[in-house]
């Protein structure tokens, strides 16, 4: 399992997101968004890729559902 250093590195790369781990699952929650997307992955590396996929899809479509589908459909 990845440690606090990996979490902090990801948090520094994505300051608009709250990053945490609960057991074996890493989570990211976009602050000040409605509805707030919550992304999940087994690793911080995979979670970082999901965040990027979400943000790129959101910038393209401005659709919560399309952005969540892009992030959740990513193979990490």
PDB file of N, CA and C in Angstrom:
ATOM      1  N   UNK A   1       0.845  -1.189   0.000  1.00  0.00           N
ATOM      2  CA  UNK A   1       0.000   0.000   0.000  1.00  0.00           C
ATOM      3  C   UNK A   1       0.884   1.244   0.000  1.00  0.00           C
ATOM      4  N   UNK A   2       0.454   2.229  -0.701  1.00  0.00           N
ATOM      5  CA  UNK A   2       1.199   3.477  -0.801  1.00  0.00           C
ATOM      6  C   UNK A   2       1.058   4.281   0.483  1.00  0.00           C
ATOM      7  N   UNK A   3       2.055   5.090   0.746  1.00  0.00           N
ATOM      8  CA  UNK A   3       2.058   5.847   1.989  1.00  0.00           C
ATOM      9  C   UNK A   3       1.614   7.285   1.839  1.00  0.00           C
ATOM     10  N   UNK A   4       1.850   8.013   2.915  1.00  0.00           N
ATOM     11  CA  UNK A   4       1.454   9.412   2.996  1.00  0.00           C
ATOM     12  C   UNK A   4       2.179  10.270   1.959  1.00  0.00           C
ATOM     13  N   UNK A   5       3.415   9.923   1.636  1.00  0.00           N
ATOM     14  CA  UNK A   5       4.172  10.708   0.649  1.00  0.00           C
ATOM     15  C   UNK A   5       3.490  10.664  -0.721  1.00  0.00           C
ATOM     16  N   UNK A   6       2.992   9.502  -1.119  1.00  0.00           N
ATOM     17  CA  UNK A   6       2.292   9.376  -2.404  1.00  0.00           C
ATOM     18  C   UNK A   6       0.993  10.172  -2.387  1.00  0.00           C
ATOM     19  N   UNK A   7       0.277  10.143  -1.269  1.00  0.00           N
ATOM     20  CA  UNK A   7      -0.966  10.910  -1.151  1.00  0.00           C
ATOM     21  C   UNK A   7      -0.679  12.405  -1.238  1.00  0.00           C
ATOM     22  N   UNK A   8       0.340  12.836  -0.527  1.00  0.00           N
ATOM     23  CA  UNK A   8       0.681  14.255  -0.518  1.00  0.00           C
ATOM     24  C   UNK A   8       1.123  14.732  -1.903  1.00  0.00           C
ATOM     25  N   UNK A   9       1.882  13.922  -2.614  1.00  0.00           N
ATOM     26  CA  UNK A   9       2.328  14.260  -3.967  1.00  0.00           C
ATOM     27  C   UNK A   9       1.118  14.453  -4.896  1.00  0.00           C
ATOM     28  N   UNK A  10       0.150  13.526  -4.803  1.00  0.00           N
ATOM     29  CA  UNK A  10      -1.057  13.628  -5.624  1.00  0.00           C
ATOM     30  C   UNK A  10      -1.873  14.854  -5.218  1.00  0.00           C
ATOM     31  N   UNK A  11      -1.965  15.123  -3.918  1.00  0.00           N
ATOM     32  CA  UNK A  11      -2.700  16.294  -3.433  1.00  0.00           C
ATOM     33  C   UNK A  11      -2.069  17.581  -3.946  1.00  0.00           C
ATOM     34  N   UNK A  12      -0.738  17.626  -3.975  1.00  0.00           N
ATOM     35  CA  UNK A  12      -0.045  18.814  -4.491  1.00  0.00           C
ATOM     36  C   UNK A  12      -0.285  19.003  -5.987  1.00  0.00           C
ATOM     37  N   UNK A  13      -0.421  17.909  -6.726  1.00  0.00           N
ATOM     38  CA  UNK A  13      -0.671  17.986  -8.162  1.00  0.00           C
ATOM     39  C   UNK A  13      -2.106  18.411  -8.475  1.00  0.00           C
ATOM     40  N   UNK A  14      -3.034  18.101  -7.576  1.00  0.00           N
ATOM     41  CA  UNK A  14      -4.465  18.380  -7.797  1.00  0.00           C
ATOM     42  C   UNK A  14      -5.055  19.061  -6.559  1.00  0.00           C
ATOM     43  N   UNK A  15      -4.734  20.341  -6.353  1.00  0.00           N
ATOM     44  CA  UNK A  15      -5.168  21.022  -5.122  1.00  0.00           C
ATOM     45  C   UNK A  15      -6.680  21.240  -5.003  1.00  0.00           C
ATOM     46  N   UNK A  16      -7.421  21.142  -6.092  1.00  0.00           N
ATOM     47  CA  UNK A  16      -8.875  21.326  -6.018  1.00  0.00           C
ATOM     48  C   UNK A  16      -9.585  20.075  -5.529  1.00  0.00           C
ATOM     49  N   UNK A  17      -8.828  18.988  -5.364  1.00  0.00           N
ATOM     50  CA  UNK A  17      -9.397  17.713  -4.954  1.00  0.00           C
ATOM     51  C   UNK A  17      -8.942  17.361  -3.539  1.00  0.00           C
ATOM     52  N   UNK A  18      -9.829  16.753  -2.766  1.00  0.00           N
ATOM     53  CA  UNK A  18      -9.447  16.203  -1.461  1.00  0.00           C
ATOM     54  C   UNK A  18      -9.112  14.734  -1.695  1.00  0.00           C
ATOM     55  N   UNK A  19      -7.909  14.328  -1.312  1.00  0.00           N
ATOM     56  CA  UNK A  19      -7.418  12.972  -1.539  1.00  0.00           C
ATOM     57  C   UNK A  19      -7.284  12.273  -0.196  1.00  0.00           C
ATOM     58  N   UNK A  20      -7.796  11.046  -0.094  1.00  0.00           N
ATOM     59  CA  UNK A  20      -7.626  10.263   1.126  1.00  0.00           C
ATOM     60  C   UNK A  20      -7.723   8.785   0.814  1.00  0.00           C
ATOM     61  N   UNK A  21      -7.366   7.972   1.790  1.00  0.00           N
ATOM     62  CA  UNK A  21      -7.437   6.516   1.655  1.00  0.00           C
ATOM     63  C   UNK A  21      -8.262   5.976   2.821  1.00  0.00           C
ATOM     64  N   UNK A  22      -9.100   4.996   2.503  1.00  0.00           N
ATOM     65  CA  UNK A  22      -9.864   4.269   3.514  1.00  0.00           C
ATOM     66  C   UNK A  22      -9.633   2.790   3.244  1.00  0.00           C
ATOM     67  N   UNK A  23      -8.793   2.167   4.048  1.00  0.00           N
ATOM     68  CA  UNK A  23      -8.454   0.766   3.822  1.00  0.00           C
ATOM     69  C   UNK A  23      -7.646   0.617   2.556  1.00  0.00           C
ATOM     70  N   UNK A  24      -8.111  -0.208   1.638  1.00  0.00           N
ATOM     71  CA  UNK A  24      -7.394  -0.474   0.385  1.00  0.00           C
ATOM     72  C   UNK A  24      -7.817   0.442  -0.756  1.00  0.00           C
ATOM     73  N   UNK A  25      -8.737   1.356  -0.522  1.00  0.00           N
ATOM     74  CA  UNK A  25      -9.277   2.196  -1.590  1.00  0.00           C
ATOM     75  C   UNK A  25      -8.852   3.648  -1.386  1.00  0.00           C
ATOM     76  N   UNK A  26      -8.326   4.257  -2.463  1.00  0.00           N
ATOM     77  CA  UNK A  26      -7.976   5.680  -2.462  1.00  0.00           C
ATOM     78  C   UNK A  26      -9.133   6.454  -3.083  1.00  0.00           C
ATOM     79  N   UNK A  27      -9.440   7.607  -2.506  1.00  0.00           N
ATOM     80  CA  UNK A  27     -10.570   8.420  -2.945  1.00  0.00           C
ATOM     81  C   UNK A  27     -10.113   9.829  -3.307  1.00  0.00           C
ATOM     82  N   UNK A  28     -10.842  10.458  -4.221  1.00  0.00           N
ATOM     83  CA  UNK A  28     -10.660  11.871  -4.541  1.00  0.00           C
ATOM     84  C   UNK A  28     -12.047  12.513  -4.645  1.00  0.00           C
ATOM     85  N   UNK A  29     -12.195  13.649  -4.006  1.00  0.00           N
ATOM     86  CA  UNK A  29     -13.461  14.364  -3.978  1.00  0.00           C
ATOM     87  C   UNK A  29     -13.191  15.787  -4.451  1.00  0.00           C
ATOM     88  N   UNK A  30     -13.867  16.219  -5.508  1.00  0.00           N
ATOM     89  CA  UNK A  30     -13.685  17.569  -6.038  1.00  0.00           C
ATOM     90  C   UNK A  30     -14.409  18.551  -5.129  1.00  0.00           C
ATOM     91  N   UNK A  31     -13.635  19.461  -4.549  1.00  0.00           N
ATOM     92  CA  UNK A  31     -14.188  20.444  -3.621  1.00  0.00           C
ATOM     93  C   UNK A  31     -14.988  21.503  -4.369  1.00  0.00           C
ATOM     94  N   UNK A  32     -16.009  22.009  -3.748  1.00  0.00           N
ATOM     95  CA  UNK A  32     -16.846  23.096  -4.271  1.00  0.00           C
ATOM     96  C   UNK A  32     -17.483  22.765  -5.612  1.00  0.00           C
ATOM     97  N   UNK A  33     -17.876  21.521  -5.788  1.00  0.00           N
ATOM     98  CA  UNK A  33     -18.569  21.107  -7.010  1.00  0.00           C
ATOM     99  C   UNK A  33     -19.934  20.561  -6.628  1.00  0.00           C
ATOM    100  N   UNK A  34     -20.902  20.761  -7.503  1.00  0.00           N
ATOM    101  CA  UNK A  34     -22.231  20.248  -7.240  1.00  0.00           C
ATOM    102  C   UNK A  34     -22.797  19.651  -8.519  1.00  0.00           C
ATOM    103  N   UNK A  35     -23.079  18.372  -8.538  1.00  0.00           N
ATOM    104  CA  UNK A  35     -22.816  17.404  -7.478  1.00  0.00           C
ATOM    105  C   UNK A  35     -21.319  17.103  -7.391  1.00  0.00           C
ATOM    106  N   UNK A  36     -20.832  16.781  -6.195  1.00  0.00           N
ATOM    107  CA  UNK A  36     -19.401  16.537  -6.048  1.00  0.00           C
ATOM    108  C   UNK A  36     -19.010  15.146  -6.543  1.00  0.00           C
ATOM    109  N   UNK A  37     -18.130  15.077  -7.532  1.00  0.00           N
ATOM    110  CA  UNK A  37     -17.674  13.760  -7.978  1.00  0.00           C
ATOM    111  C   UNK A  37     -16.746  13.144  -6.938  1.00  0.00           C
ATOM    112  N   UNK A  38     -16.917  11.867  -6.706  1.00  0.00           N
ATOM    113  CA  UNK A  38     -16.024  11.111  -5.842  1.00  0.00           C
ATOM    114  C   UNK A  38     -15.468   9.970  -6.686  1.00  0.00           C
ATOM    115  N   UNK A  39     -14.159   9.994  -6.871  1.00  0.00           N
ATOM    116  CA  UNK A  39     -13.486   8.979  -7.675  1.00  0.00           C
ATOM    117  C   UNK A  39     -12.781   8.000  -6.754  1.00  0.00           C
ATOM    118  N   UNK A  40     -12.656   6.740  -7.190  1.00  0.00           N
ATOM    119  CA  UNK A  40     -12.038   5.689  -6.380  1.00  0.00           C
ATOM    120  C   UNK A  40     -11.059   4.891  -7.226  1.00  0.00           C
ATOM    121  N   UNK A  41      -9.987   4.420  -6.567  1.00  0.00           N
ATOM    122  CA  UNK A  41      -9.045   3.524  -7.224  1.00  0.00           C
ATOM    123  C   UNK A  41      -8.248   2.805  -6.134  1.00  0.00           C
ATOM    124  N   UNK A  42      -7.599   1.724  -6.519  1.00  0.00           N
ATOM    125  CA  UNK A  42      -6.795   0.965  -5.562  1.00  0.00           C
ATOM    126  C   UNK A  42      -5.450   1.630  -5.299  1.00  0.00           C
ATOM    127  N   UNK A  43      -5.006   2.530  -6.201  1.00  0.00           N
ATOM    128  CA  UNK A  43      -3.708   3.174  -6.016  1.00  0.00           C
ATOM    129  C   UNK A  43      -3.840   4.675  -6.259  1.00  0.00           C
ATOM    130  N   UNK A  44      -2.899   5.418  -5.689  1.00  0.00           N
ATOM    131  CA  UNK A  44      -2.887   6.857  -5.923  1.00  0.00           C
ATOM    132  C   UNK A  44      -2.519   7.164  -7.371  1.00  0.00           C
ATOM    133  N   UNK A  45      -1.678   6.343  -7.973  1.00  0.00           N
ATOM    134  CA  UNK A  45      -1.319   6.528  -9.380  1.00  0.00           C
ATOM    135  C   UNK A  45      -2.558   6.399 -10.266  1.00  0.00           C
ATOM    136  N   UNK A  46      -3.342   5.347 -10.045  1.00  0.00           N
ATOM    137  CA  UNK A  46      -4.573   5.156 -10.804  1.00  0.00           C
ATOM    138  C   UNK A  46      -5.574   6.263 -10.535  1.00  0.00           C
ATOM    139  N   UNK A  47      -5.633   6.715  -9.296  1.00  0.00           N
ATOM    140  CA  UNK A  47      -6.542   7.798  -8.935  1.00  0.00           C
ATOM    141  C   UNK A  47      -6.150   9.090  -9.660  1.00  0.00           C
ATOM    142  N   UNK A  48      -4.849   9.344  -9.773  1.00  0.00           N
ATOM    143  CA  UNK A  48      -4.382  10.517 -10.511  1.00  0.00           C
ATOM    144  C   UNK A  48      -4.821  10.474 -11.963  1.00  0.00           C
ATOM    145  N   UNK A  49      -4.760   9.295 -12.564  1.00  0.00           N
ATOM    146  CA  UNK A  49      -5.204   9.145 -13.953  1.00  0.00           C
ATOM    147  C   UNK A  49      -6.702   9.381 -14.073  1.00  0.00           C
ATOM    148  N   UNK A  50      -7.472   8.936 -13.102  1.00  0.00           N
ATOM    149  CA  UNK A  50      -8.923   9.157 -13.119  1.00  0.00           C
ATOM    150  C   UNK A  50      -9.263  10.643 -12.972  1.00  0.00           C
ATOM    151  N   UNK A  51      -8.510  11.343 -12.122  1.00  0.00           N
ATOM    152  CA  UNK A  51      -8.730  12.785 -11.952  1.00  0.00           C
ATOM    153  C   UNK A  51      -8.498  13.506 -13.278  1.00  0.00           C
ATOM    154  N   UNK A  52      -7.401  13.179 -13.945  1.00  0.00           N
ATOM    155  CA  UNK A  52      -7.087  13.809 -15.232  1.00  0.00           C
ATOM    156  C   UNK A  52      -8.179  13.497 -16.254  1.00  0.00           C
ATOM    157  N   UNK A  53      -8.621  12.253 -16.313  1.00  0.00           N
ATOM    158  CA  UNK A  53      -9.682  11.869 -17.255  1.00  0.00           C
ATOM    159  C   UNK A  53     -10.962  12.641 -16.962  1.00  0.00           C
ATOM    160  N   UNK A  54     -11.319  12.772 -15.678  1.00  0.00           N
ATOM    161  CA  UNK A  54     -12.518  13.522 -15.299  1.00  0.00           C
ATOM    162  C   UNK A  54     -12.395  14.979 -15.743  1.00  0.00           C
ATOM    163  N   UNK A  55     -11.263  15.611 -15.417  1.00  0.00           N
ATOM    164  CA  UNK A  55     -11.097  17.032 -15.734  1.00  0.00           C
ATOM    165  C   UNK A  55     -11.093  17.293 -17.240  1.00  0.00           C
ATOM    166  N   UNK A  56     -10.463  16.399 -18.008  1.00  0.00           N
ATOM    167  CA  UNK A  56     -10.457  16.570 -19.466  1.00  0.00           C
ATOM    168  C   UNK A  56     -11.855  16.411 -20.053  1.00  0.00           C
ATOM    169  N   UNK A  57     -12.591  15.416 -19.582  1.00  0.00           N
ATOM    170  CA  UNK A  57     -13.954  15.209 -20.087  1.00  0.00           C
ATOM    171  C   UNK A  57     -14.861  16.370 -19.672  1.00  0.00           C
ATOM    172  N   UNK A  58     -14.697  16.876 -18.455  1.00  0.00           N
ATOM    173  CA  UNK A  58     -15.502  18.006 -17.988  1.00  0.00           C
ATOM    174  C   UNK A  58     -15.222  19.248 -18.842  1.00  0.00           C
ATOM    175  N   UNK A  59     -13.950  19.501 -19.133  1.00  0.00           N
ATOM    176  CA  UNK A  59     -13.583  20.669 -19.944  1.00  0.00           C
ATOM    177  C   UNK A  59     -14.177  20.575 -21.348  1.00  0.00           C
ATOM    178  N   UNK A  60     -14.259  19.366 -21.879  1.00  0.00           N
ATOM    179  CA  UNK A  60     -14.793  19.143 -23.225  1.00  0.00           C
ATOM    180  C   UNK A  60     -16.313  19.245 -23.271  1.00  0.00           C
ATOM    181  N   UNK A  61     -16.980  18.664 -22.278  1.00  0.00           N
ATOM    182  CA  UNK A  61     -18.428  18.485 -22.371  1.00  0.00           C
ATOM    183  C   UNK A  61     -19.257  19.307 -21.384  1.00  0.00           C
ATOM    184  N   UNK A  62     -18.656  19.704 -20.276  1.00  0.00           N
ATOM    185  CA  UNK A  62     -19.387  20.355 -19.171  1.00  0.00           C
ATOM    186  C   UNK A  62     -20.545  19.482 -18.680  1.00  0.00           C
ATOM    187  N   UNK A  63     -20.357  18.171 -18.779  1.00  0.00           N
ATOM    188  CA  UNK A  63     -21.379  17.211 -18.361  1.00  0.00           C
ATOM    189  C   UNK A  63     -20.830  16.345 -17.231  1.00  0.00           C
ATOM    190  N   UNK A  64     -21.501  16.382 -16.080  1.00  0.00           N
ATOM    191  CA  UNK A  64     -21.093  15.559 -14.942  1.00  0.00           C
ATOM    192  C   UNK A  64     -21.082  14.086 -15.330  1.00  0.00           C
ATOM    193  N   UNK A  65     -22.142  13.628 -15.975  1.00  0.00           N
ATOM    194  CA  UNK A  65     -22.249  12.206 -16.321  1.00  0.00           C
ATOM    195  C   UNK A  65     -21.157  11.780 -17.304  1.00  0.00           C
ATOM    196  N   UNK A  66     -20.888  12.594 -18.310  1.00  0.00           N
ATOM    197  CA  UNK A  66     -19.834  12.249 -19.279  1.00  0.00           C
ATOM    198  C   UNK A  66     -18.466  12.224 -18.599  1.00  0.00           C
ATOM    199  N   UNK A  67     -18.228  13.175 -17.699  1.00  0.00           N
ATOM    200  CA  UNK A  67     -16.944  13.205 -17.000  1.00  0.00           C
ATOM    201  C   UNK A  67     -16.794  11.998 -16.071  1.00  0.00           C
ATOM    202  N   UNK A  68     -17.862  11.641 -15.356  1.00  0.00           N
ATOM    203  CA  UNK A  68     -17.804  10.461 -14.470  1.00  0.00           C
ATOM    204  C   UNK A  68     -17.620   9.187 -15.281  1.00  0.00           C
ATOM    205  N   UNK A  69     -18.306   9.091 -16.406  1.00  0.00           N
ATOM    206  CA  UNK A  69     -18.146   7.907 -17.266  1.00  0.00           C
ATOM    207  C   UNK A  69     -16.713   7.782 -17.761  1.00  0.00           C
ATOM    208  N   UNK A  70     -16.099   8.911 -18.126  1.00  0.00           N
ATOM    209  CA  UNK A  70     -14.716   8.877 -18.607  1.00  0.00           C
ATOM    210  C   UNK A  70     -13.773   8.413 -17.494  1.00  0.00           C
ATOM    211  N   UNK A  71     -13.977   8.918 -16.285  1.00  0.00           N
ATOM    212  CA  UNK A  71     -13.107   8.569 -15.163  1.00  0.00           C
ATOM    213  C   UNK A  71     -13.331   7.131 -14.698  1.00  0.00           C
ATOM    214  N   UNK A  72     -14.592   6.732 -14.611  1.00  0.00           N
ATOM    215  CA  UNK A  72     -14.898   5.392 -14.121  1.00  0.00           C
ATOM    216  C   UNK A  72     -14.581   4.322 -15.148  1.00  0.00           C
ATOM    217  N   UNK A  73     -14.625   4.650 -16.421  1.00  0.00           N
ATOM    218  CA  UNK A  73     -14.361   3.669 -17.469  1.00  0.00           C
ATOM    219  C   UNK A  73     -12.884   3.458 -17.744  1.00  0.00           C
ATOM    220  N   UNK A  74     -12.035   4.221 -17.089  1.00  0.00           N
ATOM    221  CA  UNK A  74     -10.603   4.120 -17.310  1.00  0.00           C
ATOM    222  C   UNK A  74     -10.049   2.840 -16.690  1.00  0.00           C
ATOM    223  N   UNK A  75      -9.237   2.121 -17.455  1.00  0.00           N
ATOM    224  CA  UNK A  75      -8.568   0.917 -16.930  1.00  0.00           C
ATOM    225  C   UNK A  75      -7.257   1.332 -16.294  1.00  0.00           C
ATOM    226  N   UNK A  76      -7.123   1.111 -14.977  1.00  0.00           N
ATOM    227  CA  UNK A  76      -5.875   1.494 -14.293  1.00  0.00           C
ATOM    228  C   UNK A  76      -5.192   0.279 -13.724  1.00  0.00           C
TER     229      UNK A  76
END
